[in-house]
Structure formats: structure tokens, C-alpha cells
Amino acid sequence: MRMIRFALGLPAALVLSAGLAFAADTGTPAEAKAMLERAVAEVTKDKAAALEKFTKGEGGFKDRDLYPYCGGPDGNFTAHPSLVGKSLMSLMDKAVPPKPLGAEVYASAQPGKISEVSYMWPRPDDPEKKPVEKVAYVTKVADQVCAVGYYK
């Protein structure tokens, strides 16, 4: 009887440990919010230097799948690992049908307040690029709309 219980418990233990390992590979909501708060402080201190740090992922601004991104008054990315100069305002999520993610980010951003925007986006390491739920914490600092997103 004990061997059967052990054998039945083993797959559950493997699933649990795999789930915990996966969770450790992705940022948490608390970590995303903390990164956005640090990003706001950096933009307030020196906007140009902050945007460069965010784009390069320097100074702790790239942690697993977490990174800040910002857009300027013209609607274009001013900080992002690969989209600087492209339109954040016209960015669409990956849902079916897609929703106007960039416009919602801009509409939600308010100085001194952190809002949440939910959307569908593929995980960067997913070869199938299947969209999953993601949440961005969004705020406005100076003339920048900045966000940090995490996967649910």
C-alpha cells in the first residue's frame, strides 16, 4: 500500500516542483509593481538616462520577463528592449479579435497613480507564440507613459 501511495504521489510532486520552477522563472505582480515604482523614480531623477537604462536592461531594469517600457507624447516607444521609435499608441494585443492595447495603456496612465491593463500576449520563450493573459502596471511620469507587465 505504501509503494502505491508513493508512486501516486511522485507525479504530483513532479508537477508541483515543475510549477514552482516555472513560477520562479517569471516575475510576480509585486515585483512588476516595484520595478515600475523604481522606474518612476529614475525618470523623475534623469529622464534621458532612465530611458536608456530601461532599453538596455541595465541597473536592475531587466529581471527574467520583467522590464519597463515607456512611450512619449507622440505615442512612440521611448524605452523598450526592441521597439524604440515604433508606435506604442497603435499597438494591438494578440487576442482574437485584437484590442487596442497601446491606446488603453495611454488612456489608463495618470500621474501619481498606478493602473492595471489586462491583455493577451505570448510568452517570449513560447515557440508556438500562444497568447496568454498578461497585466501591465501603468502610470504617467513627466511626459512619459511607463509600464511593467507580468504574465498571469
N, C-alpha and C. Protein backbone atom coordinates (compact mmCIF):
# COMPACT_ATOMS: atom_id res chain seq x y z
N MET A 1 0.82 -1.19 0.00
CA MET A 1 0.00 0.00 0.00
C MET A 1 0.87 1.26 0.00
N ARG A 2 1.95 1.24 0.78
CA ARG A 2 2.83 2.40 0.83
C ARG A 2 3.47 2.67 -0.52
N MET A 3 3.89 1.64 -1.21
CA MET A 3 4.51 1.84 -2.52
C MET A 3 3.53 2.47 -3.49
N ILE A 4 2.30 2.06 -3.45
CA ILE A 4 1.29 2.64 -4.34
C ILE A 4 1.11 4.11 -4.01
N ARG A 5 1.02 4.44 -2.73
CA ARG A 5 0.84 5.84 -2.33
C ARG A 5 2.04 6.66 -2.80
N PHE A 6 3.26 6.11 -2.63
CA PHE A 6 4.46 6.82 -3.05
C PHE A 6 4.45 7.01 -4.57
N ALA A 7 4.09 5.94 -5.29
CA ALA A 7 4.09 6.02 -6.75
C ALA A 7 3.06 7.04 -7.23
N LEU A 8 1.89 7.07 -6.58
CA LEU A 8 0.87 8.04 -6.97
C LEU A 8 1.28 9.46 -6.57
N GLY A 9 2.01 9.58 -5.48
CA GLY A 9 2.44 10.91 -5.02
C GLY A 9 3.57 11.48 -5.85
N LEU A 10 4.36 10.65 -6.48
CA LEU A 10 5.51 11.12 -7.25
C LEU A 10 5.13 12.04 -8.40
N PRO A 11 4.18 11.67 -9.25
CA PRO A 11 3.82 12.59 -10.34
C PRO A 11 3.33 13.93 -9.81
N ALA A 12 2.56 13.89 -8.73
CA ALA A 12 2.07 15.14 -8.16
C ALA A 12 3.24 15.99 -7.67
N ALA A 13 4.24 15.37 -7.07
CA ALA A 13 5.40 16.11 -6.59
C ALA A 13 6.17 16.71 -7.78
N LEU A 14 6.28 15.94 -8.85
CA LEU A 14 6.97 16.45 -10.04
C LEU A 14 6.21 17.63 -10.64
N VAL A 15 4.90 17.52 -10.73
CA VAL A 15 4.09 18.61 -11.27
C VAL A 15 4.23 19.84 -10.40
N LEU A 16 4.17 19.65 -9.08
CA LEU A 16 4.29 20.76 -8.14
C LEU A 16 5.65 21.43 -8.28
N SER A 17 6.74 20.63 -8.30
CA SER A 17 8.06 21.23 -8.40
C SER A 17 8.26 21.88 -9.76
N ALA A 18 7.70 21.34 -10.82
CA ALA A 18 7.80 21.97 -12.14
C ALA A 18 7.05 23.29 -12.14
N GLY A 19 5.91 23.32 -11.50
CA GLY A 19 5.15 24.57 -11.41
C GLY A 19 5.89 25.63 -10.63
N LEU A 20 6.54 25.22 -9.54
CA LEU A 20 7.32 26.18 -8.74
C LEU A 20 8.53 26.67 -9.52
N ALA A 21 9.17 25.79 -10.26
CA ALA A 21 10.32 26.21 -11.07
C ALA A 21 9.87 27.20 -12.14
N PHE A 22 8.73 26.93 -12.75
CA PHE A 22 8.22 27.84 -13.79
C PHE A 22 7.90 29.20 -13.18
N ALA A 23 7.27 29.18 -11.99
CA ALA A 23 6.91 30.43 -11.33
C ALA A 23 8.15 31.25 -11.01
N ALA A 24 9.25 30.60 -10.65
CA ALA A 24 10.47 31.31 -10.33
C ALA A 24 11.10 31.94 -11.58
N ASP A 25 10.76 31.43 -12.74
CA ASP A 25 11.30 31.95 -13.99
C ASP A 25 10.54 33.17 -14.50
N THR A 26 9.44 33.52 -13.86
CA THR A 26 8.64 34.66 -14.29
C THR A 26 8.47 35.64 -13.14
N GLY A 27 8.31 36.90 -13.49
CA GLY A 27 8.13 37.92 -12.48
C GLY A 27 6.75 37.88 -11.86
N THR A 28 6.67 38.31 -10.62
CA THR A 28 5.41 38.33 -9.89
C THR A 28 4.76 39.70 -10.02
N PRO A 29 3.48 39.81 -9.68
CA PRO A 29 2.83 41.12 -9.68
C PRO A 29 3.56 42.12 -8.76
N ALA A 30 3.96 41.67 -7.58
CA ALA A 30 4.65 42.57 -6.64
C ALA A 30 5.98 43.04 -7.21
N GLU A 31 6.71 42.15 -7.89
CA GLU A 31 7.99 42.54 -8.48
C GLU A 31 7.79 43.51 -9.64
N ALA A 32 6.74 43.29 -10.43
CA ALA A 32 6.45 44.19 -11.55
C ALA A 32 6.10 45.59 -11.02
N LYS A 33 5.28 45.65 -10.01
CA LYS A 33 4.88 46.94 -9.44
C LYS A 33 6.09 47.65 -8.84
N ALA A 34 6.93 46.92 -8.13
CA ALA A 34 8.13 47.51 -7.53
C ALA A 34 9.07 48.04 -8.61
N MET A 35 9.19 47.31 -9.73
CA MET A 35 10.05 47.78 -10.81
C MET A 35 9.48 49.06 -11.42
N LEU A 36 8.17 49.14 -11.57
CA LEU A 36 7.57 50.36 -12.11
C LEU A 36 7.81 51.53 -11.16
N GLU A 37 7.68 51.31 -9.87
CA GLU A 37 7.94 52.38 -8.90
C GLU A 37 9.39 52.86 -8.97
N ARG A 38 10.34 51.91 -9.14
CA ARG A 38 11.75 52.29 -9.32
C ARG A 38 11.94 53.05 -10.63
N ALA A 39 11.23 52.63 -11.67
CA ALA A 39 11.33 53.30 -12.97
C ALA A 39 10.84 54.74 -12.87
N VAL A 40 9.75 54.97 -12.15
CA VAL A 40 9.22 56.33 -11.96
C VAL A 40 10.26 57.20 -11.28
N ALA A 41 10.92 56.66 -10.25
CA ALA A 41 11.96 57.42 -9.54
C ALA A 41 13.11 57.77 -10.49
N GLU A 42 13.49 56.84 -11.35
CA GLU A 42 14.58 57.08 -12.30
C GLU A 42 14.20 58.15 -13.33
N VAL A 43 12.99 58.08 -13.85
CA VAL A 43 12.55 59.08 -14.84
C VAL A 43 12.49 60.45 -14.19
N THR A 44 12.03 60.52 -12.95
CA THR A 44 11.95 61.78 -12.23
C THR A 44 13.34 62.39 -12.03
N LYS A 45 14.31 61.52 -11.75
CA LYS A 45 15.68 61.96 -11.49
C LYS A 45 16.39 62.42 -12.77
N ASP A 46 16.33 61.60 -13.83
CA ASP A 46 17.03 61.90 -15.09
C ASP A 46 16.37 61.10 -16.21
N LYS A 47 15.41 61.73 -16.89
CA LYS A 47 14.59 61.03 -17.88
C LYS A 47 15.43 60.37 -18.97
N ALA A 48 16.36 61.09 -19.57
CA ALA A 48 17.14 60.53 -20.68
C ALA A 48 17.94 59.31 -20.23
N ALA A 49 18.60 59.42 -19.09
CA ALA A 49 19.39 58.30 -18.58
C ALA A 49 18.50 57.11 -18.24
N ALA A 50 17.33 57.39 -17.65
CA ALA A 50 16.40 56.32 -17.29
C ALA A 50 15.92 55.57 -18.52
N LEU A 51 15.50 56.28 -19.55
CA LEU A 51 15.00 55.62 -20.76
C LEU A 51 16.08 54.75 -21.39
N GLU A 52 17.32 55.21 -21.34
CA GLU A 52 18.43 54.42 -21.88
C GLU A 52 18.64 53.15 -21.04
N LYS A 53 18.60 53.30 -19.71
CA LYS A 53 18.73 52.13 -18.83
C LYS A 53 17.64 51.11 -19.10
N PHE A 54 16.40 51.58 -19.24
CA PHE A 54 15.27 50.67 -19.47
C PHE A 54 15.47 49.90 -20.77
N THR A 55 15.87 50.61 -21.82
CA THR A 55 16.05 49.97 -23.13
C THR A 55 17.16 48.93 -23.09
N LYS A 56 18.25 49.24 -22.39
CA LYS A 56 19.39 48.32 -22.31
C LYS A 56 19.20 47.24 -21.24
N GLY A 57 18.21 47.43 -20.36
CA GLY A 57 18.00 46.48 -19.28
C GLY A 57 19.05 46.59 -18.19
N GLU A 58 19.62 47.77 -18.04
CA GLU A 58 20.68 47.98 -17.04
C GLU A 58 20.09 48.46 -15.71
N GLY A 59 20.91 48.36 -14.67
CA GLY A 59 20.53 48.87 -13.37
C GLY A 59 19.38 48.13 -12.72
N GLY A 60 19.23 46.84 -13.03
CA GLY A 60 18.14 46.05 -12.46
C GLY A 60 16.82 46.22 -13.19
N PHE A 61 16.86 46.80 -14.39
CA PHE A 61 15.62 47.02 -15.15
C PHE A 61 15.37 45.94 -16.21
N LYS A 62 15.96 44.77 -16.01
CA LYS A 62 15.61 43.56 -16.77
C LYS A 62 15.75 42.41 -15.79
N ASP A 63 14.63 41.81 -15.43
CA ASP A 63 14.62 40.71 -14.48
C ASP A 63 13.70 39.63 -15.01
N ARG A 64 14.29 38.56 -15.54
CA ARG A 64 13.53 37.48 -16.18
C ARG A 64 12.65 38.07 -17.27
N ASP A 65 11.32 38.02 -17.11
CA ASP A 65 10.43 38.56 -18.15
C ASP A 65 9.90 39.95 -17.79
N LEU A 66 10.47 40.58 -16.78
CA LEU A 66 10.04 41.92 -16.37
C LEU A 66 11.00 42.98 -16.90
N TYR A 67 10.44 44.05 -17.42
CA TYR A 67 11.23 45.20 -17.86
C TYR A 67 10.25 46.37 -18.02
N PRO A 68 10.72 47.59 -17.77
CA PRO A 68 9.85 48.74 -18.00
C PRO A 68 9.90 49.15 -19.48
N TYR A 69 8.79 49.69 -19.94
CA TYR A 69 8.76 50.32 -21.26
C TYR A 69 8.00 51.62 -21.13
N CYS A 70 8.33 52.57 -21.98
CA CYS A 70 7.71 53.89 -21.92
C CYS A 70 7.38 54.38 -23.31
N GLY A 71 6.43 55.29 -23.36
CA GLY A 71 6.07 55.95 -24.60
C GLY A 71 6.00 57.45 -24.36
N GLY A 72 6.36 58.21 -25.37
CA GLY A 72 6.37 59.66 -25.26
C GLY A 72 5.06 60.28 -25.70
N PRO A 73 5.00 61.61 -25.68
CA PRO A 73 3.77 62.32 -26.05
C PRO A 73 3.33 62.07 -27.50
N ASP A 74 4.27 61.66 -28.36
CA ASP A 74 3.93 61.37 -29.75
C ASP A 74 3.34 59.97 -29.94
N GLY A 75 3.27 59.17 -28.86
CA GLY A 75 2.71 57.83 -28.95
C GLY A 75 3.72 56.75 -29.31
N ASN A 76 4.98 57.12 -29.47
CA ASN A 76 6.01 56.15 -29.84
C ASN A 76 6.79 55.68 -28.62
N PHE A 77 7.28 54.42 -28.68
CA PHE A 77 8.12 53.90 -27.62
C PHE A 77 9.38 54.76 -27.47
N THR A 78 9.67 55.15 -26.25
CA THR A 78 10.92 55.85 -25.93
C THR A 78 11.86 54.93 -25.18
N ALA A 79 11.33 53.84 -24.64
CA ALA A 79 12.13 52.82 -23.96
C ALA A 79 11.46 51.47 -24.15
N HIS A 80 12.21 50.52 -24.64
CA HIS A 80 11.75 49.14 -24.83
C HIS A 80 12.95 48.35 -25.35
N PRO A 81 13.06 47.06 -25.00
CA PRO A 81 14.21 46.28 -25.47
C PRO A 81 14.36 46.22 -26.99
N SER A 82 13.26 46.36 -27.75
CA SER A 82 13.40 46.23 -29.21
C SER A 82 12.47 47.14 -30.03
N LEU A 83 11.63 47.95 -29.40
CA LEU A 83 10.62 48.70 -30.16
C LEU A 83 10.78 50.23 -30.09
N VAL A 84 11.90 50.74 -29.63
CA VAL A 84 12.09 52.19 -29.54
C VAL A 84 11.86 52.81 -30.91
N GLY A 85 11.05 53.87 -30.92
CA GLY A 85 10.74 54.57 -32.17
C GLY A 85 9.48 54.06 -32.87
N LYS A 86 9.03 52.87 -32.51
CA LYS A 86 7.79 52.33 -33.09
C LYS A 86 6.59 52.82 -32.27
N SER A 87 5.40 52.68 -32.82
CA SER A 87 4.21 53.21 -32.17
C SER A 87 3.72 52.31 -31.03
N LEU A 88 3.74 52.85 -29.83
CA LEU A 88 3.09 52.19 -28.70
C LEU A 88 1.59 52.44 -28.78
N MET A 89 1.21 53.65 -29.16
CA MET A 89 -0.20 54.04 -29.19
C MET A 89 -1.03 53.11 -30.09
N SER A 90 -0.48 52.65 -31.19
CA SER A 90 -1.25 51.81 -32.12
C SER A 90 -1.04 50.31 -31.90
N LEU A 91 -0.30 49.93 -30.84
CA LEU A 91 -0.04 48.53 -30.56
C LEU A 91 -1.35 47.79 -30.23
N MET A 92 -1.53 46.65 -30.84
CA MET A 92 -2.70 45.80 -30.61
C MET A 92 -2.26 44.56 -29.84
N ASP A 93 -3.12 44.06 -28.96
CA ASP A 93 -2.76 42.83 -28.26
C ASP A 93 -2.96 41.65 -29.20
N LYS A 94 -2.75 40.44 -28.70
CA LYS A 94 -2.79 39.23 -29.54
C LYS A 94 -4.06 38.42 -29.33
N ALA A 95 -5.10 39.03 -28.76
CA ALA A 95 -6.38 38.34 -28.59
C ALA A 95 -7.08 38.22 -29.93
N VAL A 96 -8.11 37.42 -29.97
CA VAL A 96 -8.94 37.29 -31.17
C VAL A 96 -10.35 37.71 -30.80
N PRO A 97 -10.84 38.81 -31.30
CA PRO A 97 -10.13 39.80 -32.12
C PRO A 97 -9.20 40.64 -31.25
N PRO A 98 -8.17 41.24 -31.86
CA PRO A 98 -7.23 42.04 -31.08
C PRO A 98 -7.88 43.31 -30.54
N LYS A 99 -7.38 43.76 -29.38
CA LYS A 99 -7.87 45.02 -28.82
C LYS A 99 -6.74 46.04 -28.86
N PRO A 100 -7.09 47.32 -28.86
CA PRO A 100 -6.08 48.38 -28.95
C PRO A 100 -5.33 48.56 -27.63
N LEU A 101 -4.30 47.76 -27.43
CA LEU A 101 -3.54 47.75 -26.19
C LEU A 101 -2.87 49.10 -25.92
N GLY A 102 -2.17 49.64 -26.90
CA GLY A 102 -1.45 50.89 -26.71
C GLY A 102 -2.36 52.04 -26.32
N ALA A 103 -3.50 52.15 -26.98
CA ALA A 103 -4.45 53.21 -26.67
C ALA A 103 -4.96 53.06 -25.24
N GLU A 104 -5.20 51.82 -24.79
CA GLU A 104 -5.66 51.59 -23.43
C GLU A 104 -4.57 51.93 -22.41
N VAL A 105 -3.32 51.62 -22.73
CA VAL A 105 -2.21 51.98 -21.85
C VAL A 105 -2.16 53.49 -21.68
N TYR A 106 -2.23 54.23 -22.79
CA TYR A 106 -2.20 55.70 -22.72
C TYR A 106 -3.40 56.25 -21.96
N ALA A 107 -4.58 55.70 -22.21
CA ALA A 107 -5.80 56.19 -21.55
C ALA A 107 -5.78 55.92 -20.04
N SER A 108 -5.12 54.84 -19.63
CA SER A 108 -5.08 54.46 -18.21
C SER A 108 -4.01 55.19 -17.41
N ALA A 109 -3.00 55.72 -18.09
CA ALA A 109 -1.87 56.33 -17.39
C ALA A 109 -2.22 57.68 -16.78
N GLN A 110 -2.04 57.78 -15.47
CA GLN A 110 -2.29 59.03 -14.75
C GLN A 110 -1.12 59.30 -13.81
N PRO A 111 -0.68 60.55 -13.72
CA PRO A 111 0.42 60.86 -12.80
C PRO A 111 0.07 60.52 -11.35
N GLY A 112 1.02 59.92 -10.66
CA GLY A 112 0.82 59.61 -9.25
C GLY A 112 -0.08 58.44 -8.95
N LYS A 113 -0.54 57.73 -9.98
CA LYS A 113 -1.43 56.59 -9.79
C LYS A 113 -0.96 55.43 -10.67
N ILE A 114 -1.02 54.23 -10.13
CA ILE A 114 -0.68 53.04 -10.92
C ILE A 114 -1.97 52.31 -11.25
N SER A 115 -2.22 52.14 -12.54
CA SER A 115 -3.41 51.44 -13.04
C SER A 115 -3.00 50.09 -13.61
N GLU A 116 -3.98 49.24 -13.85
CA GLU A 116 -3.73 47.93 -14.46
C GLU A 116 -4.43 47.83 -15.80
N VAL A 117 -3.73 47.25 -16.77
CA VAL A 117 -4.30 46.98 -18.08
C VAL A 117 -4.05 45.50 -18.37
N SER A 118 -5.13 44.74 -18.60
CA SER A 118 -5.02 43.31 -18.92
C SER A 118 -5.07 43.13 -20.44
N TYR A 119 -4.30 42.17 -20.91
CA TYR A 119 -4.26 41.92 -22.35
C TYR A 119 -3.70 40.53 -22.62
N MET A 120 -3.71 40.12 -23.86
CA MET A 120 -3.21 38.81 -24.27
C MET A 120 -1.90 39.00 -25.03
N TRP A 121 -0.88 38.23 -24.63
CA TRP A 121 0.43 38.36 -25.26
C TRP A 121 1.18 37.05 -25.11
N PRO A 122 1.94 36.61 -26.12
CA PRO A 122 2.68 35.35 -25.98
C PRO A 122 3.89 35.51 -25.05
N ARG A 123 4.22 34.43 -24.35
CA ARG A 123 5.44 34.43 -23.55
C ARG A 123 6.63 34.44 -24.50
N PRO A 124 7.70 35.13 -24.13
CA PRO A 124 8.84 35.23 -25.04
C PRO A 124 9.50 33.90 -25.37
N ASP A 125 9.40 32.91 -24.47
CA ASP A 125 10.05 31.62 -24.69
C ASP A 125 9.12 30.57 -25.29
N ASP A 126 7.91 30.96 -25.68
CA ASP A 126 6.95 30.01 -26.25
C ASP A 126 7.15 29.92 -27.76
N PRO A 127 7.64 28.78 -28.26
CA PRO A 127 7.86 28.65 -29.70
C PRO A 127 6.56 28.74 -30.51
N GLU A 128 5.42 28.39 -29.89
CA GLU A 128 4.13 28.45 -30.59
C GLU A 128 3.53 29.85 -30.58
N LYS A 129 4.07 30.73 -29.74
CA LYS A 129 3.60 32.12 -29.62
C LYS A 129 2.11 32.18 -29.29
N LYS A 130 1.66 31.28 -28.41
CA LYS A 130 0.27 31.25 -27.98
C LYS A 130 0.02 32.39 -26.99
N PRO A 131 -0.94 33.27 -27.26
CA PRO A 131 -1.21 34.37 -26.34
C PRO A 131 -1.77 33.88 -25.01
N VAL A 132 -1.26 34.47 -23.93
CA VAL A 132 -1.74 34.18 -22.58
C VAL A 132 -2.02 35.52 -21.90
N GLU A 133 -2.73 35.45 -20.78
CA GLU A 133 -3.09 36.70 -20.10
C GLU A 133 -1.87 37.35 -19.47
N LYS A 134 -1.77 38.65 -19.67
CA LYS A 134 -0.70 39.45 -19.12
C LYS A 134 -1.33 40.72 -18.55
N VAL A 135 -0.72 41.28 -17.52
CA VAL A 135 -1.21 42.51 -16.91
C VAL A 135 -0.06 43.50 -16.88
N ALA A 136 -0.32 44.73 -17.28
CA ALA A 136 0.68 45.79 -17.18
C ALA A 136 0.26 46.77 -16.10
N TYR A 137 1.20 47.10 -15.23
CA TYR A 137 1.02 48.23 -14.33
C TYR A 137 1.45 49.46 -15.11
N VAL A 138 0.63 50.49 -15.10
CA VAL A 138 0.82 51.66 -15.96
C VAL A 138 0.73 52.93 -15.14
N THR A 139 1.58 53.92 -15.47
CA THR A 139 1.49 55.24 -14.85
C THR A 139 2.04 56.28 -15.82
N LYS A 140 1.89 57.53 -15.43
CA LYS A 140 2.46 58.63 -16.22
C LYS A 140 3.43 59.37 -15.32
N VAL A 141 4.61 59.63 -15.82
CA VAL A 141 5.63 60.38 -15.10
C VAL A 141 6.28 61.35 -16.09
N ALA A 142 6.29 62.63 -15.72
CA ALA A 142 6.72 63.69 -16.63
C ALA A 142 5.86 63.58 -17.89
N ASP A 143 6.49 63.54 -19.07
CA ASP A 143 5.71 63.41 -20.31
C ASP A 143 5.71 61.97 -20.83
N GLN A 144 6.05 61.02 -19.95
CA GLN A 144 6.18 59.62 -20.34
C GLN A 144 5.06 58.77 -19.76
N VAL A 145 4.56 57.86 -20.56
CA VAL A 145 3.66 56.81 -20.10
C VAL A 145 4.54 55.58 -19.95
N CYS A 146 4.64 55.04 -18.74
CA CYS A 146 5.53 53.91 -18.48
C CYS A 146 4.76 52.74 -17.89
N ALA A 147 5.25 51.54 -18.15
CA ALA A 147 4.57 50.32 -17.71
C ALA A 147 5.57 49.21 -17.48
N VAL A 148 5.16 48.25 -16.65
CA VAL A 148 5.86 46.98 -16.48
C VAL A 148 4.78 45.92 -16.46
N GLY A 149 4.93 44.89 -17.29
CA GLY A 149 3.93 43.83 -17.38
C GLY A 149 4.42 42.51 -16.82
N TYR A 150 3.48 41.72 -16.33
CA TYR A 150 3.79 40.37 -15.84
C TYR A 150 2.75 39.42 -16.41
N TYR A 151 3.15 38.15 -16.55
CA TYR A 151 2.25 37.11 -17.04
C TYR A 151 1.48 36.52 -15.88
N LYS A 152 0.17 36.27 -16.10
CA LYS A 152 -0.66 35.65 -15.05
C LYS A 152 -0.47 34.15 -15.07
